[in-house]
């Protein structure tokens, strides 16, 4: 990272403060919360200054992971899919838990670097998202009412912490200093009338408006069959089997070519796919070679813009893709 001061003729008080804040964040490695307390401004103001500094060329960032990142592999993903950025984590580790820890750690750092550019964040659920939430660096400032985190799906009907959407949104927003906005609804309503009744409420209209204003969505990708089951028998009957489902993202099931599997009984309280597609940045965090086929399918949907994946899974995914062209 390089912080470059502007030429003397262009320096003013605001520019000097911008340079000072950039040095505190990038060189002294203070958190945005600590900087806000030090200079007497809000955390969102710090975030905006850092973002403006990058746009104006005052800050030039070169990320060099201590474990490296395979640029050639990432270039392949950008060529074949809608991927625009991300991290491929080189590792020869075959121990699943170690790979997962490395994946989540790198994902947390990736998101932390993007915070200055984020305002409204939509959060999925699952084990990886839960671990990511725990790994994020904690903020010590009060939440900003202008920067929000919300679930993109209702809560699951089973007592698994990583699938309780509102709790994940609360913890995530607490860590990064944003304001949580909750979705008080089950992911899988019992009947169409229940779903329509909830979607007619002011609370849902508020969360729907926020969904349409998201700049970032963070999701994981799972294989099919998925564990725990996501009410698939009621929602799809045998359509997932006949449709050759390979994976799921935000409860949307798809085949190996990225075609979504539809059902009239697919009743879920969640963000619509078109709103995900219209979001500037959709980050997918995926680890484990057993997910290669599912990841290829997820990438083929065109929803994912940013990919964080371990090297072994990345190579397995590309091989599967090339074998199925």
Protein backbone atom coordinates (compact mmCIF):
# COMPACT_ATOMS: atom_id res chain seq x y z
CA UNK A 1 0.00 0.00 0.00
CA UNK A 2 1.25 3.48 -0.85
CA UNK A 3 -0.15 6.75 0.46
CA UNK A 4 0.84 9.50 -1.94
CA UNK A 5 0.70 13.15 -0.91
CA UNK A 6 -0.51 15.54 -3.58
CA UNK A 7 1.73 18.25 -5.03
CA UNK A 8 2.24 21.37 -2.84
CA UNK A 9 0.06 23.59 -5.02
CA UNK A 10 -2.96 21.33 -4.50
CA UNK A 11 -2.60 20.65 -0.78
CA UNK A 12 -5.31 22.05 1.49
CA UNK A 13 -6.55 21.27 4.97
CA UNK A 14 -9.00 18.60 3.82
CA UNK A 15 -6.35 16.89 1.69
CA UNK A 16 -3.91 16.86 4.59
CA UNK A 17 -6.54 15.32 6.84
CA UNK A 18 -7.30 12.71 4.19
CA UNK A 19 -3.61 11.77 3.98
CA UNK A 20 -3.36 11.63 7.78
CA UNK A 21 -6.38 9.32 8.04
CA UNK A 22 -5.06 7.08 5.27
CA UNK A 23 -1.73 6.73 7.03
CA UNK A 24 -3.49 5.85 10.28
CA UNK A 25 -5.59 3.19 8.57
CA UNK A 26 -3.13 1.63 6.13
CA UNK A 27 0.28 2.23 7.70
CA UNK A 28 -0.41 2.36 11.44
CA UNK A 29 -3.14 -0.30 11.02
CA UNK A 30 -5.66 1.46 13.24
CA UNK A 31 -9.28 0.43 12.82
CA UNK A 32 -11.81 2.86 11.39
CA UNK A 33 -13.37 2.98 14.84
CA UNK A 34 -10.08 3.98 16.47
CA UNK A 35 -9.46 6.63 13.82
CA UNK A 36 -12.93 8.07 14.34
CA UNK A 37 -12.27 8.47 18.07
CA UNK A 38 -8.82 9.92 17.46
CA UNK A 39 -9.80 12.64 14.99
CA UNK A 40 -13.28 13.30 16.39
CA UNK A 41 -15.46 12.30 13.46
CA UNK A 42 -17.92 9.47 12.86
CA UNK A 43 -16.92 6.04 11.59
CA UNK A 44 -18.97 6.48 8.37
CA UNK A 45 -17.06 9.74 7.76
CA UNK A 46 -13.78 7.83 8.07
CA UNK A 47 -15.10 5.20 5.67
CA UNK A 48 -16.04 7.85 3.11
CA UNK A 49 -12.66 9.59 3.38
CA UNK A 50 -10.83 6.30 2.77
CA UNK A 51 -13.04 5.55 -0.21
CA UNK A 52 -12.53 9.05 -1.65
CA UNK A 53 -8.77 8.74 -1.18
CA UNK A 54 -8.69 5.62 -3.33
CA UNK A 55 -10.81 7.25 -6.02
CA UNK A 56 -8.56 10.35 -6.07
CA UNK A 57 -5.37 8.32 -6.30
CA UNK A 58 -4.05 9.39 -2.91
CA UNK A 59 -4.01 5.74 -1.91
CA UNK A 60 -2.76 2.96 -4.17
CA UNK A 61 -3.23 -0.53 -2.76
CA UNK A 62 -1.34 -3.65 -3.69
CA UNK A 63 -2.54 -6.69 -1.78
CA UNK A 64 0.13 -9.35 -1.34
CA UNK A 65 -1.19 -12.23 0.73
CA UNK A 66 1.44 -13.97 2.87
CA UNK A 67 0.15 -17.20 1.33
CA UNK A 68 0.00 -15.75 -2.14
CA UNK A 69 -2.89 -15.76 -4.60
CA UNK A 70 -2.97 -17.50 -7.93
CA UNK A 71 -3.64 -14.72 -10.43
CA UNK A 72 -3.70 -17.09 -13.39
CA UNK A 73 -6.44 -19.17 -11.79
CA UNK A 74 -8.48 -16.08 -10.97
CA UNK A 75 -8.06 -14.90 -14.55
CA UNK A 76 -9.62 -18.18 -15.69
CA UNK A 77 -12.66 -17.58 -13.48
CA UNK A 78 -12.99 -14.04 -14.82
CA UNK A 79 -12.80 -15.38 -18.39
CA UNK A 80 -15.37 -18.15 -18.01
CA UNK A 81 -17.82 -16.56 -15.59
CA UNK A 82 -19.17 -13.22 -14.33
CA UNK A 83 -16.44 -13.01 -11.67
CA UNK A 84 -14.79 -9.60 -11.43
CA UNK A 85 -12.57 -9.97 -8.36
CA UNK A 86 -11.75 -12.24 -5.45
CA UNK A 87 -9.13 -14.38 -3.77
CA UNK A 88 -7.88 -17.87 -4.52
CA UNK A 89 -6.11 -19.16 -1.43
CA UNK A 90 -3.13 -21.39 -2.23
CA UNK A 91 -3.04 -24.35 0.10
CA UNK A 92 -2.01 -27.95 -0.16
CA UNK A 93 -3.83 -28.72 3.07
CA UNK A 94 -6.32 -31.53 2.74
CA UNK A 95 -7.56 -31.28 6.32
CA UNK A 96 -11.04 -29.81 5.91
CA UNK A 97 -11.09 -27.76 9.11
CA UNK A 98 -7.73 -26.14 8.35
CA UNK A 99 -8.82 -25.18 4.84
CA UNK A 100 -12.03 -23.72 6.25
CA UNK A 101 -10.13 -21.64 8.81
CA UNK A 102 -7.82 -20.26 6.12
CA UNK A 103 -10.79 -19.53 3.87
CA UNK A 104 -12.75 -17.66 6.53
CA UNK A 105 -9.69 -15.71 7.68
CA UNK A 106 -8.93 -14.51 4.15
CA UNK A 107 -12.61 -13.72 3.54
CA UNK A 108 -12.71 -11.56 6.67
CA UNK A 109 -9.67 -9.62 5.48
CA UNK A 110 -11.15 -9.22 2.01
CA UNK A 111 -14.38 -7.78 3.40
CA UNK A 112 -12.52 -5.52 5.83
CA UNK A 113 -10.59 -4.01 2.91
CA UNK A 114 -13.87 -3.33 1.09
CA UNK A 115 -15.65 -1.70 4.04
CA UNK A 116 -14.92 1.86 2.87
CA UNK A 117 -16.93 1.09 -0.27
CA UNK A 118 -19.88 -0.56 1.48
CA UNK A 119 -23.07 1.08 2.68
CA UNK A 120 -25.86 -1.52 2.65
CA UNK A 121 -24.94 -5.17 3.10
CA UNK A 122 -27.18 -8.21 2.66
CA UNK A 123 -26.17 -11.34 4.53
CA UNK A 124 -26.96 -14.98 3.81
CA UNK A 125 -26.78 -17.81 6.29
CA UNK A 126 -24.90 -21.07 6.89
CA UNK A 127 -21.81 -22.35 8.65
CA UNK A 128 -19.35 -20.33 6.57
CA UNK A 129 -21.27 -17.07 7.08
CA UNK A 130 -21.46 -17.79 10.81
CA UNK A 131 -17.70 -18.36 11.04
CA UNK A 132 -17.05 -15.25 8.98
CA UNK A 133 -19.14 -13.18 11.38
CA UNK A 134 -17.09 -14.44 14.31
CA UNK A 135 -13.79 -13.75 12.51
CA UNK A 136 -14.47 -10.12 11.57
CA UNK A 137 -12.64 -7.45 13.53
CA UNK A 138 -14.81 -5.82 16.18
CA UNK A 139 -15.76 -2.15 16.03
CA UNK A 140 -15.77 0.10 19.11
CA UNK A 141 -17.97 2.88 17.71
CA UNK A 142 -21.71 3.29 17.83
CA UNK A 143 -23.64 1.96 14.89
CA UNK A 144 -24.26 4.30 11.97
CA UNK A 145 -27.92 4.75 11.01
CA UNK A 146 -26.85 5.34 7.41
CA UNK A 147 -24.98 2.04 6.95
CA UNK A 148 -27.07 -1.11 7.29
CA UNK A 149 -26.79 -4.89 7.44
CA UNK A 150 -29.85 -7.04 6.83
CA UNK A 151 -30.69 -10.70 6.22
CA UNK A 152 -31.56 -11.69 2.66
CA UNK A 153 -33.66 -14.60 3.92
CA UNK A 154 -35.88 -15.38 6.89
CA UNK A 155 -34.74 -17.56 9.79
CA UNK A 156 -34.51 -21.33 9.53
CA UNK A 157 -36.96 -23.55 11.44
CA UNK A 158 -34.23 -25.37 13.36
CA UNK A 159 -32.03 -24.25 16.28
CA UNK A 160 -28.76 -23.81 14.42
CA UNK A 161 -27.06 -20.51 15.27
CA UNK A 162 -25.52 -20.05 11.84
CA UNK A 163 -28.97 -20.20 10.23
CA UNK A 164 -30.70 -17.64 12.45
CA UNK A 165 -30.70 -14.75 10.01
CA UNK A 166 -31.40 -11.88 12.40
CA UNK A 167 -28.76 -12.97 14.90
CA UNK A 168 -26.17 -13.17 12.12
CA UNK A 169 -27.14 -9.68 10.94
CA UNK A 170 -26.91 -8.34 14.50
CA UNK A 171 -23.46 -9.80 15.13
CA UNK A 172 -22.13 -8.85 11.69
CA UNK A 173 -23.33 -5.25 11.99
CA UNK A 174 -21.96 -5.02 15.53
CA UNK A 175 -18.53 -6.11 14.29
CA UNK A 176 -18.30 -3.58 11.45
CA UNK A 177 -20.16 -0.68 13.08
CA UNK A 178 -23.22 -0.74 10.83
CA UNK A 179 -26.88 -0.70 11.91
CA UNK A 180 -28.82 -3.99 11.77
CA UNK A 181 -32.21 -4.17 10.13
CA UNK A 182 -34.17 -7.32 10.89
CA UNK A 183 -36.45 -9.63 8.97
CA UNK A 184 -38.89 -11.14 11.47
CA UNK A 185 -40.20 -14.01 9.40
CA UNK A 186 -39.64 -17.73 8.94
CA UNK A 187 -37.70 -18.66 5.83
CA UNK A 188 -40.23 -21.34 4.95
CA UNK A 189 -43.85 -20.29 5.67
CA UNK A 190 -46.40 -23.05 6.08
CA UNK A 191 -48.70 -21.84 3.31
CA UNK A 192 -48.89 -19.34 0.47
CA UNK A 193 -51.42 -17.29 2.44
CA UNK A 194 -48.94 -16.94 5.31
CA UNK A 195 -46.23 -15.74 2.94
CA UNK A 196 -48.55 -13.24 1.24
CA UNK A 197 -49.79 -11.97 4.60
CA UNK A 198 -46.29 -11.20 5.76
CA UNK A 199 -45.23 -9.64 2.45
CA UNK A 200 -48.15 -7.23 2.80
CA UNK A 201 -46.76 -5.78 6.05
CA UNK A 202 -44.90 -2.49 6.45
CA UNK A 203 -41.95 -4.39 7.92
CA UNK A 204 -41.52 -6.45 4.77
CA UNK A 205 -41.91 -3.43 2.51
CA UNK A 206 -39.14 -1.72 4.50
CA UNK A 207 -36.76 -4.66 4.17
CA UNK A 208 -37.65 -5.06 0.48
CA UNK A 209 -36.73 -1.42 -0.13
CA UNK A 210 -33.39 -2.02 1.58
CA UNK A 211 -32.82 -5.13 -0.57
CA UNK A 212 -33.21 -2.93 -3.65
CA UNK A 213 -30.55 -0.55 -2.27
CA UNK A 214 -27.89 -3.13 -1.36
CA UNK A 215 -24.40 -2.59 -2.72
CA UNK A 216 -23.05 -5.87 -1.31
CA UNK A 217 -24.49 -9.35 -0.72
CA UNK A 218 -22.43 -12.04 1.04
CA UNK A 219 -23.46 -15.66 0.44
CA UNK A 220 -22.18 -19.22 0.65
CA UNK A 221 -22.73 -22.07 -1.81
CA UNK A 222 -23.83 -25.55 -0.72
CA UNK A 223 -24.22 -28.87 -2.46
CA UNK A 224 -27.45 -30.76 -3.11
CA UNK A 225 -28.65 -32.67 -1.15
CA UNK A 226 -28.14 -29.95 1.44
CA UNK A 227 -27.76 -30.57 5.18
CA UNK A 228 -29.83 -29.60 7.06
CA UNK A 229 -32.61 -29.99 4.53
CA UNK A 230 -34.33 -26.77 3.45
CA UNK A 231 -37.91 -28.05 3.29
CA UNK A 232 -37.13 -29.41 -0.17
CA UNK A 233 -39.80 -32.12 -0.23
CA UNK A 234 -42.59 -29.61 0.40
CA UNK A 235 -41.13 -26.98 -1.89
CA UNK A 236 -40.13 -29.15 -4.85
CA UNK A 237 -41.44 -32.70 -4.56
CA UNK A 238 -39.13 -34.67 -6.87
CA UNK A 239 -38.26 -31.68 -9.10
CA UNK A 240 -34.76 -31.31 -7.67
CA UNK A 241 -33.94 -34.91 -8.57
CA UNK A 242 -35.51 -34.81 -12.01
CA UNK A 243 -33.98 -31.39 -12.64
CA UNK A 244 -30.54 -32.73 -11.61
CA UNK A 245 -29.88 -30.12 -8.94
CA UNK A 246 -26.24 -29.84 -7.90
CA UNK A 247 -26.26 -26.93 -5.49
CA UNK A 248 -28.02 -24.09 -3.72
CA UNK A 249 -27.32 -20.41 -3.09
CA UNK A 250 -29.62 -18.44 -0.78
CA UNK A 251 -32.14 -21.35 -0.98
CA UNK A 252 -32.25 -21.09 -4.81
CA UNK A 253 -31.43 -24.51 -6.28
CA UNK A 254 -29.72 -24.89 -9.66
CA UNK A 255 -28.30 -27.53 -12.00
CA UNK A 256 -24.68 -27.83 -13.18
CA UNK A 257 -25.27 -25.29 -15.96
CA UNK A 258 -26.68 -22.64 -13.64
CA UNK A 259 -30.33 -23.13 -14.55
CA UNK A 260 -32.58 -22.48 -11.56
CA UNK A 261 -35.08 -25.19 -10.70
CA UNK A 262 -38.54 -23.71 -10.38
CA UNK A 263 -41.60 -24.87 -8.46
CA UNK A 264 -44.97 -23.28 -7.78
CA UNK A 265 -44.66 -24.50 -4.20
CA UNK A 266 -41.24 -22.89 -3.63
CA UNK A 267 -42.50 -20.63 -0.85
CA UNK A 268 -39.59 -18.79 0.77
CA UNK A 269 -39.29 -15.36 2.37
CA UNK A 270 -36.07 -14.12 0.74
CA UNK A 271 -34.57 -11.54 -1.58
CA UNK A 272 -35.67 -12.02 -5.21
CA UNK A 273 -33.01 -13.23 -7.64
CA UNK A 274 -33.29 -10.12 -9.80
CA UNK A 275 -32.35 -7.93 -6.84
CA UNK A 276 -29.30 -10.10 -6.16
CA UNK A 277 -28.38 -9.81 -9.83
CA UNK A 278 -28.71 -6.03 -9.70
CA UNK A 279 -26.45 -5.73 -6.65
CA UNK A 280 -23.04 -4.26 -7.46
CA UNK A 281 -21.05 -6.82 -5.47
CA UNK A 282 -22.14 -10.41 -4.70
CA UNK A 283 -19.45 -12.18 -2.69
CA UNK A 284 -19.48 -15.98 -2.56
CA UNK A 285 -17.29 -17.82 -0.04
CA UNK A 286 -16.76 -21.48 -0.94
CA UNK A 287 -14.39 -24.15 0.33
CA UNK A 288 -14.01 -27.90 -0.19
CA UNK A 289 -13.48 -29.88 -3.39
CA UNK A 290 -16.77 -31.68 -2.83
CA UNK A 291 -18.40 -28.35 -3.76
CA UNK A 292 -16.71 -28.05 -7.17
CA UNK A 293 -19.78 -29.06 -9.17
CA UNK A 294 -22.03 -26.85 -7.05
CA UNK A 295 -19.65 -23.90 -7.37
CA UNK A 296 -19.53 -24.28 -11.15
CA UNK A 297 -23.32 -24.25 -11.26
CA UNK A 298 -23.50 -21.22 -8.96
CA UNK A 299 -21.01 -19.33 -11.14
CA UNK A 300 -23.00 -20.23 -14.25
CA UNK A 301 -26.06 -18.48 -12.77
CA UNK A 302 -24.21 -15.20 -13.28
CA UNK A 303 -25.05 -13.94 -9.79
CA UNK A 304 -21.54 -14.05 -8.30
CA UNK A 305 -19.16 -11.12 -8.89
CA UNK A 306 -16.56 -11.75 -6.17
CA UNK A 307 -15.24 -15.25 -5.38
CA UNK A 308 -13.28 -16.36 -2.33
CA UNK A 309 -12.21 -20.00 -2.68
CA UNK A 310 -9.33 -22.32 -1.82
CA UNK A 311 -6.97 -23.40 -4.60
CA UNK A 312 -7.89 -27.10 -4.63
CA UNK A 313 -11.58 -26.29 -4.99
CA UNK A 314 -10.82 -23.67 -7.63
CA UNK A 315 -8.84 -26.15 -9.74
CA UNK A 316 -11.48 -28.86 -9.34
CA UNK A 317 -14.19 -26.38 -10.37
CA UNK A 318 -12.32 -25.28 -13.49
CA UNK A 319 -11.67 -28.89 -14.47
CA UNK A 320 -15.34 -29.75 -14.07
CA UNK A 321 -16.26 -26.69 -16.13
CA UNK A 322 -13.84 -27.54 -18.94
CA UNK A 323 -15.07 -31.15 -18.98
CA UNK A 324 -18.65 -29.94 -19.41
CA UNK A 325 -18.25 -27.30 -22.10
